[in-house]
Amino acid sequence: MAKLEEIVRRLETGDVSLDDSLKAFEKGIGYVRECEKKLDEAKGKIEKLVKQANGEVKTSSFEPTV
């Protein structure tokens, strides 16, 4: 994420050539995809404990609220 933020900072300065901007953008897209992959893997592993009315505890998939 820090690498992606650095790319954004550099691009926002406007002092980067078009060619370098495109290269940085491509690299940034790669970082975004890597982050998405890691988030998807983590989401698949996260389970939330749910206590049922009878006191039993069961696991269910975690679905974040957005």
PDB file of N, CA and C in Angstrom:
ATOM      1  N   MET A   1       0.826  -1.175   0.000  1.00  0.00           N
ATOM      2  CA  MET A   1       0.000   0.000   0.000  1.00  0.00           C
ATOM      3  C   MET A   1       0.879   1.250   0.000  1.00  0.00           C
ATOM      4  N   ALA A   2       1.950   1.219   0.746  1.00  0.00           N
ATOM      5  CA  ALA A   2       2.854   2.366   0.803  1.00  0.00           C
ATOM      6  C   ALA A   2       3.462   2.653  -0.574  1.00  0.00           C
ATOM      7  N   LYS A   3       3.786   1.599  -1.305  1.00  0.00           N
ATOM      8  CA  LYS A   3       4.341   1.782  -2.655  1.00  0.00           C
ATOM      9  C   LYS A   3       3.309   2.417  -3.572  1.00  0.00           C
ATOM     10  N   LEU A   4       2.077   2.003  -3.431  1.00  0.00           N
ATOM     11  CA  LEU A   4       0.995   2.558  -4.241  1.00  0.00           C
ATOM     12  C   LEU A   4       0.784   4.035  -3.904  1.00  0.00           C
ATOM     13  N   GLU A   5       0.809   4.359  -2.622  1.00  0.00           N
ATOM     14  CA  GLU A   5       0.662   5.750  -2.200  1.00  0.00           C
ATOM     15  C   GLU A   5       1.797   6.621  -2.735  1.00  0.00           C
ATOM     16  N   GLU A   6       2.998   6.088  -2.765  1.00  0.00           N
ATOM     17  CA  GLU A   6       4.146   6.837  -3.293  1.00  0.00           C
ATOM     18  C   GLU A   6       3.963   7.122  -4.782  1.00  0.00           C
ATOM     19  N   ILE A   7       3.481   6.148  -5.513  1.00  0.00           N
ATOM     20  CA  ILE A   7       3.226   6.350  -6.944  1.00  0.00           C
ATOM     21  C   ILE A   7       2.199   7.456  -7.138  1.00  0.00           C
ATOM     22  N   VAL A   8       1.147   7.427  -6.353  1.00  0.00           N
ATOM     23  CA  VAL A   8       0.105   8.455  -6.462  1.00  0.00           C
ATOM     24  C   VAL A   8       0.698   9.828  -6.167  1.00  0.00           C
ATOM     25  N   ARG A   9       1.517   9.925  -5.119  1.00  0.00           N
ATOM     26  CA  ARG A   9       2.146  11.219  -4.789  1.00  0.00           C
ATOM     27  C   ARG A   9       2.992  11.735  -5.945  1.00  0.00           C
ATOM     28  N   ARG A  10       3.777  10.842  -6.544  1.00  0.00           N
ATOM     29  CA  ARG A  10       4.627  11.264  -7.670  1.00  0.00           C
ATOM     30  C   ARG A  10       3.795  11.730  -8.852  1.00  0.00           C
ATOM     31  N   LEU A  11       2.739  10.984  -9.153  1.00  0.00           N
ATOM     32  CA  LEU A  11       1.897  11.350 -10.285  1.00  0.00           C
ATOM     33  C   LEU A  11       1.165  12.662 -10.032  1.00  0.00           C
ATOM     34  N   GLU A  12       0.790  12.916  -8.788  1.00  0.00           N
ATOM     35  CA  GLU A  12       0.059  14.137  -8.468  1.00  0.00           C
ATOM     36  C   GLU A  12       0.920  15.394  -8.573  1.00  0.00           C
ATOM     37  N   THR A  13       2.230  15.240  -8.521  1.00  0.00           N
ATOM     38  CA  THR A  13       3.099  16.413  -8.625  1.00  0.00           C
ATOM     39  C   THR A  13       3.030  17.021 -10.020  1.00  0.00           C
ATOM     40  N   GLY A  14       2.776  16.186 -11.018  1.00  0.00           N
ATOM     41  CA  GLY A  14       2.730  16.671 -12.395  1.00  0.00           C
ATOM     42  C   GLY A  14       4.110  16.847 -13.009  1.00  0.00           C
ATOM     43  N   ASP A  15       5.147  16.496 -12.272  1.00  0.00           N
ATOM     44  CA  ASP A  15       6.520  16.651 -12.754  1.00  0.00           C
ATOM     45  C   ASP A  15       7.067  15.386 -13.396  1.00  0.00           C
ATOM     46  N   VAL A  16       6.202  14.463 -13.740  1.00  0.00           N
ATOM     47  CA  VAL A  16       6.618  13.184 -14.303  1.00  0.00           C
ATOM     48  C   VAL A  16       6.258  13.171 -15.787  1.00  0.00           C
ATOM     49  N   SER A  17       7.190  12.680 -16.603  1.00  0.00           N
ATOM     50  CA  SER A  17       6.934  12.621 -18.042  1.00  0.00           C
ATOM     51  C   SER A  17       5.780  11.657 -18.330  1.00  0.00           C
ATOM     52  N   LEU A  18       5.209  11.782 -19.510  1.00  0.00           N
ATOM     53  CA  LEU A  18       4.099  10.911 -19.886  1.00  0.00           C
ATOM     54  C   LEU A  18       4.527   9.446 -19.859  1.00  0.00           C
ATOM     55  N   ASP A  19       5.708   9.168 -20.395  1.00  0.00           N
ATOM     56  CA  ASP A  19       6.204   7.789 -20.422  1.00  0.00           C
ATOM     57  C   ASP A  19       6.378   7.248 -19.005  1.00  0.00           C
ATOM     58  N   ASP A  20       6.985   8.045 -18.128  1.00  0.00           N
ATOM     59  CA  ASP A  20       7.178   7.614 -16.743  1.00  0.00           C
ATOM     60  C   ASP A  20       5.846   7.499 -16.011  1.00  0.00           C
ATOM     61  N   SER A  21       4.896   8.371 -16.348  1.00  0.00           N
ATOM     62  CA  SER A  21       3.564   8.302 -15.742  1.00  0.00           C
ATOM     63  C   SER A  21       2.880   6.994 -16.098  1.00  0.00           C
ATOM     64  N   LEU A  22       2.979   6.604 -17.361  1.00  0.00           N
ATOM     65  CA  LEU A  22       2.367   5.353 -17.802  1.00  0.00           C
ATOM     66  C   LEU A  22       3.008   4.150 -17.116  1.00  0.00           C
ATOM     67  N   LYS A  23       4.330   4.181 -16.995  1.00  0.00           N
ATOM     68  CA  LYS A  23       5.023   3.085 -16.317  1.00  0.00           C
ATOM     69  C   LYS A  23       4.613   3.008 -14.854  1.00  0.00           C
ATOM     70  N   ALA A  24       4.526   4.174 -14.210  1.00  0.00           N
ATOM     71  CA  ALA A  24       4.130   4.205 -12.805  1.00  0.00           C
ATOM     72  C   ALA A  24       2.686   3.728 -12.654  1.00  0.00           C
ATOM     73  N   PHE A  25       1.823   4.128 -13.572  1.00  0.00           N
ATOM     74  CA  PHE A  25       0.422   3.703 -13.541  1.00  0.00           C
ATOM     75  C   PHE A  25       0.324   2.185 -13.659  1.00  0.00           C
ATOM     76  N   GLU A  26       1.070   1.608 -14.594  1.00  0.00           N
ATOM     77  CA  GLU A  26       1.060   0.155 -14.767  1.00  0.00           C
ATOM     78  C   GLU A  26       1.544  -0.544 -13.506  1.00  0.00           C
ATOM     79  N   LYS A  27       2.599  -0.006 -12.900  1.00  0.00           N
ATOM     80  CA  LYS A  27       3.124  -0.593 -11.670  1.00  0.00           C
ATOM     81  C   LYS A  27       2.075  -0.473 -10.566  1.00  0.00           C
ATOM     82  N   GLY A  28       1.405   0.674 -10.504  1.00  0.00           N
ATOM     83  CA  GLY A  28       0.359   0.891  -9.507  1.00  0.00           C
ATOM     84  C   GLY A  28      -0.786  -0.090  -9.664  1.00  0.00           C
ATOM     85  N   ILE A  29      -1.187  -0.341 -10.902  1.00  0.00           N
ATOM     86  CA  ILE A  29      -2.254  -1.318 -11.155  1.00  0.00           C
ATOM     87  C   ILE A  29      -1.828  -2.689 -10.633  1.00  0.00           C
ATOM     88  N   GLY A  30      -0.571  -3.031 -10.826  1.00  0.00           N
ATOM     89  CA  GLY A  30      -0.060  -4.303 -10.302  1.00  0.00           C
ATOM     90  C   GLY A  30      -0.164  -4.364  -8.788  1.00  0.00           C
ATOM     91  N   TYR A  31       0.175  -3.248  -8.126  1.00  0.00           N
ATOM     92  CA  TYR A  31       0.071  -3.197  -6.666  1.00  0.00           C
ATOM     93  C   TYR A  31      -1.384  -3.311  -6.217  1.00  0.00           C
ATOM     94  N   VAL A  32      -2.295  -2.663  -6.938  1.00  0.00           N
ATOM     95  CA  VAL A  32      -3.717  -2.737  -6.596  1.00  0.00           C
ATOM     96  C   VAL A  32      -4.193  -4.182  -6.703  1.00  0.00           C
ATOM     97  N   ARG A  33      -3.820  -4.843  -7.762  1.00  0.00           N
ATOM     98  CA  ARG A  33      -4.231  -6.250  -7.944  1.00  0.00           C
ATOM     99  C   ARG A  33      -3.663  -7.135  -6.840  1.00  0.00           C
ATOM    100  N   GLU A  34      -2.421  -6.865  -6.455  1.00  0.00           N
ATOM    101  CA  GLU A  34      -1.800  -7.635  -5.380  1.00  0.00           C
ATOM    102  C   GLU A  34      -2.546  -7.408  -4.060  1.00  0.00           C
ATOM    103  N   CYS A  35      -2.900  -6.164  -3.779  1.00  0.00           N
ATOM    104  CA  CYS A  35      -3.653  -5.848  -2.561  1.00  0.00           C
ATOM    105  C   CYS A  35      -5.025  -6.521  -2.580  1.00  0.00           C
ATOM    106  N   GLU A  36      -5.704  -6.468  -3.714  1.00  0.00           N
ATOM    107  CA  GLU A  36      -7.018  -7.101  -3.830  1.00  0.00           C
ATOM    108  C   GLU A  36      -6.925  -8.593  -3.594  1.00  0.00           C
ATOM    109  N   LYS A  37      -5.878  -9.208  -4.131  1.00  0.00           N
ATOM    110  CA  LYS A  37      -5.694 -10.649  -3.958  1.00  0.00           C
ATOM    111  C   LYS A  37      -5.499 -10.986  -2.483  1.00  0.00           C
ATOM    112  N   LYS A  38      -4.666 -10.204  -1.796  1.00  0.00           N
ATOM    113  CA  LYS A  38      -4.418 -10.455  -0.376  1.00  0.00           C
ATOM    114  C   LYS A  38      -5.677 -10.233   0.449  1.00  0.00           C
ATOM    115  N   LEU A  39      -6.450  -9.212   0.098  1.00  0.00           N
ATOM    116  CA  LEU A  39      -7.704  -8.966   0.808  1.00  0.00           C
ATOM    117  C   LEU A  39      -8.701 -10.097   0.595  1.00  0.00           C
ATOM    118  N   ASP A  40      -8.781 -10.593  -0.640  1.00  0.00           N
ATOM    119  CA  ASP A  40      -9.678 -11.714  -0.928  1.00  0.00           C
ATOM    120  C   ASP A  40      -9.267 -12.960  -0.149  1.00  0.00           C
ATOM    121  N   GLU A  41      -7.951 -13.208  -0.056  1.00  0.00           N
ATOM    122  CA  GLU A  41      -7.470 -14.364   0.691  1.00  0.00           C
ATOM    123  C   GLU A  41      -7.814 -14.211   2.173  1.00  0.00           C
ATOM    124  N   ALA A  42      -7.619 -13.012   2.702  1.00  0.00           N
ATOM    125  CA  ALA A  42      -7.915 -12.775   4.111  1.00  0.00           C
ATOM    126  C   ALA A  42      -9.408 -12.909   4.370  1.00  0.00           C
ATOM    127  N   LYS A  43     -10.220 -12.376   3.462  1.00  0.00           N
ATOM    128  CA  LYS A  43     -11.670 -12.463   3.630  1.00  0.00           C
ATOM    129  C   LYS A  43     -12.114 -13.919   3.675  1.00  0.00           C
ATOM    130  N   GLY A  44     -11.506 -14.745   2.841  1.00  0.00           N
ATOM    131  CA  GLY A  44     -11.855 -16.159   2.810  1.00  0.00           C
ATOM    132  C   GLY A  44     -11.503 -16.869   4.108  1.00  0.00           C
ATOM    133  N   LYS A  45     -10.534 -16.364   4.848  1.00  0.00           N
ATOM    134  CA  LYS A  45     -10.086 -17.005   6.081  1.00  0.00           C
ATOM    135  C   LYS A  45     -10.827 -16.499   7.319  1.00  0.00           C
ATOM    136  N   ILE A  46     -11.390 -15.309   7.193  1.00  0.00           N
ATOM    137  CA  ILE A  46     -12.035 -14.711   8.368  1.00  0.00           C
ATOM    138  C   ILE A  46     -13.383 -15.374   8.629  1.00  0.00           C
ATOM    139  N   GLU A  47     -13.579 -15.733   9.835  1.00  0.00           N
ATOM    140  CA  GLU A  47     -14.880 -16.275  10.235  1.00  0.00           C
ATOM    141  C   GLU A  47     -15.347 -15.521  11.463  1.00  0.00           C
ATOM    142  N   LYS A  48     -16.613 -15.353  11.539  1.00  0.00           N
ATOM    143  CA  LYS A  48     -17.213 -14.652  12.663  1.00  0.00           C
ATOM    144  C   LYS A  48     -17.959 -15.667  13.515  1.00  0.00           C
ATOM    145  N   LEU A  49     -17.769 -15.576  14.813  1.00  0.00           N
ATOM    146  CA  LEU A  49     -18.504 -16.448  15.719  1.00  0.00           C
ATOM    147  C   LEU A  49     -19.890 -15.862  15.956  1.00  0.00           C
ATOM    148  N   VAL A  50     -20.879 -16.702  15.828  1.00  0.00           N
ATOM    149  CA  VAL A  50     -22.259 -16.273  16.008  1.00  0.00           C
ATOM    150  C   VAL A  50     -22.878 -17.119  17.109  1.00  0.00           C
ATOM    151  N   LYS A  51     -23.366 -16.449  18.121  1.00  0.00           N
ATOM    152  CA  LYS A  51     -24.005 -17.173  19.214  1.00  0.00           C
ATOM    153  C   LYS A  51     -25.489 -17.305  18.901  1.00  0.00           C
ATOM    154  N   GLN A  52     -25.947 -18.540  18.855  1.00  0.00           N
ATOM    155  CA  GLN A  52     -27.347 -18.805  18.573  1.00  0.00           C
ATOM    156  C   GLN A  52     -28.176 -18.644  19.839  1.00  0.00           C
ATOM    157  N   ALA A  53     -29.464 -18.595  19.660  1.00  0.00           N
ATOM    158  CA  ALA A  53     -30.389 -18.406  20.780  1.00  0.00           C
ATOM    159  C   ALA A  53     -30.232 -19.487  21.847  1.00  0.00           C
ATOM    160  N   ASN A  54     -29.912 -20.720  21.461  1.00  0.00           N
ATOM    161  CA  ASN A  54     -29.787 -21.814  22.421  1.00  0.00           C
ATOM    162  C   ASN A  54     -28.418 -21.857  23.095  1.00  0.00           C
ATOM    163  N   GLY A  55     -27.570 -20.863  22.804  1.00  0.00           N
ATOM    164  CA  GLY A  55     -26.258 -20.793  23.441  1.00  0.00           C
ATOM    165  C   GLY A  55     -25.144 -21.449  22.650  1.00  0.00           C
ATOM    166  N   GLU A  56     -25.496 -22.202  21.611  1.00  0.00           N
ATOM    167  CA  GLU A  56     -24.479 -22.812  20.767  1.00  0.00           C
ATOM    168  C   GLU A  56     -23.718 -21.732  20.014  1.00  0.00           C
ATOM    169  N   VAL A  57     -22.474 -22.027  19.747  1.00  0.00           N
ATOM    170  CA  VAL A  57     -21.653 -21.113  18.958  1.00  0.00           C
ATOM    171  C   VAL A  57     -21.350 -21.799  17.640  1.00  0.00           C
ATOM    172  N   LYS A  58     -21.553 -21.095  16.567  1.00  0.00           N
ATOM    173  CA  LYS A  58     -21.230 -21.659  15.257  1.00  0.00           C
ATOM    174  C   LYS A  58     -20.446 -20.619  14.467  1.00  0.00           C
ATOM    175  N   THR A  59     -19.799 -21.076  13.433  1.00  0.00           N
ATOM    176  CA  THR A  59     -19.053 -20.162  12.587  1.00  0.00           C
ATOM    177  C   THR A  59     -19.835 -19.874  11.326  1.00  0.00           C
ATOM    178  N   SER A  60     -19.624 -18.684  10.810  1.00  0.00           N
ATOM    179  CA  SER A  60     -20.236 -18.333   9.529  1.00  0.00           C
ATOM    180  C   SER A  60     -19.273 -17.446   8.780  1.00  0.00           C
ATOM    181  N   SER A  61     -19.479 -17.308   7.493  1.00  0.00           N
ATOM    182  CA  SER A  61     -18.620 -16.461   6.677  1.00  0.00           C
ATOM    183  C   SER A  61     -18.747 -15.018   7.123  1.00  0.00           C
ATOM    184  N   PHE A  62     -17.651 -14.304   7.055  1.00  0.00           N
ATOM    185  CA  PHE A  62     -17.636 -12.896   7.406  1.00  0.00           C
ATOM    186  C   PHE A  62     -18.008 -12.071   6.195  1.00  0.00           C
ATOM    187  N   GLU A  63     -19.010 -11.241   6.326  1.00  0.00           N
ATOM    188  CA  GLU A  63     -19.430 -10.334   5.257  1.00  0.00           C
ATOM    189  C   GLU A  63     -19.371  -8.921   5.789  1.00  0.00           C
ATOM    190  N   PRO A  64     -18.338  -8.149   5.405  1.00  0.00           N
ATOM    191  CA  PRO A  64     -18.220  -6.788   5.934  1.00  0.00           C
ATOM    192  C   PRO A  64     -19.352  -5.890   5.425  1.00  0.00           C
ATOM    193  N   THR A  65     -19.740  -4.943   6.260  1.00  0.00           N
ATOM    194  CA  THR A  65     -20.733  -3.961   5.837  1.00  0.00           C
ATOM    195  C   THR A  65     -19.985  -2.792   5.243  1.00  0.00           C
ATOM    196  N   VAL A  66     -20.469  -2.347   4.111  1.00  0.00           N
ATOM    197  CA  VAL A  66     -19.792  -1.245   3.418  1.00  0.00           C
ATOM    198  C   VAL A  66     -20.653  -0.021   3.417  1.00  0.00           C
TER     199      VAL A  66
END
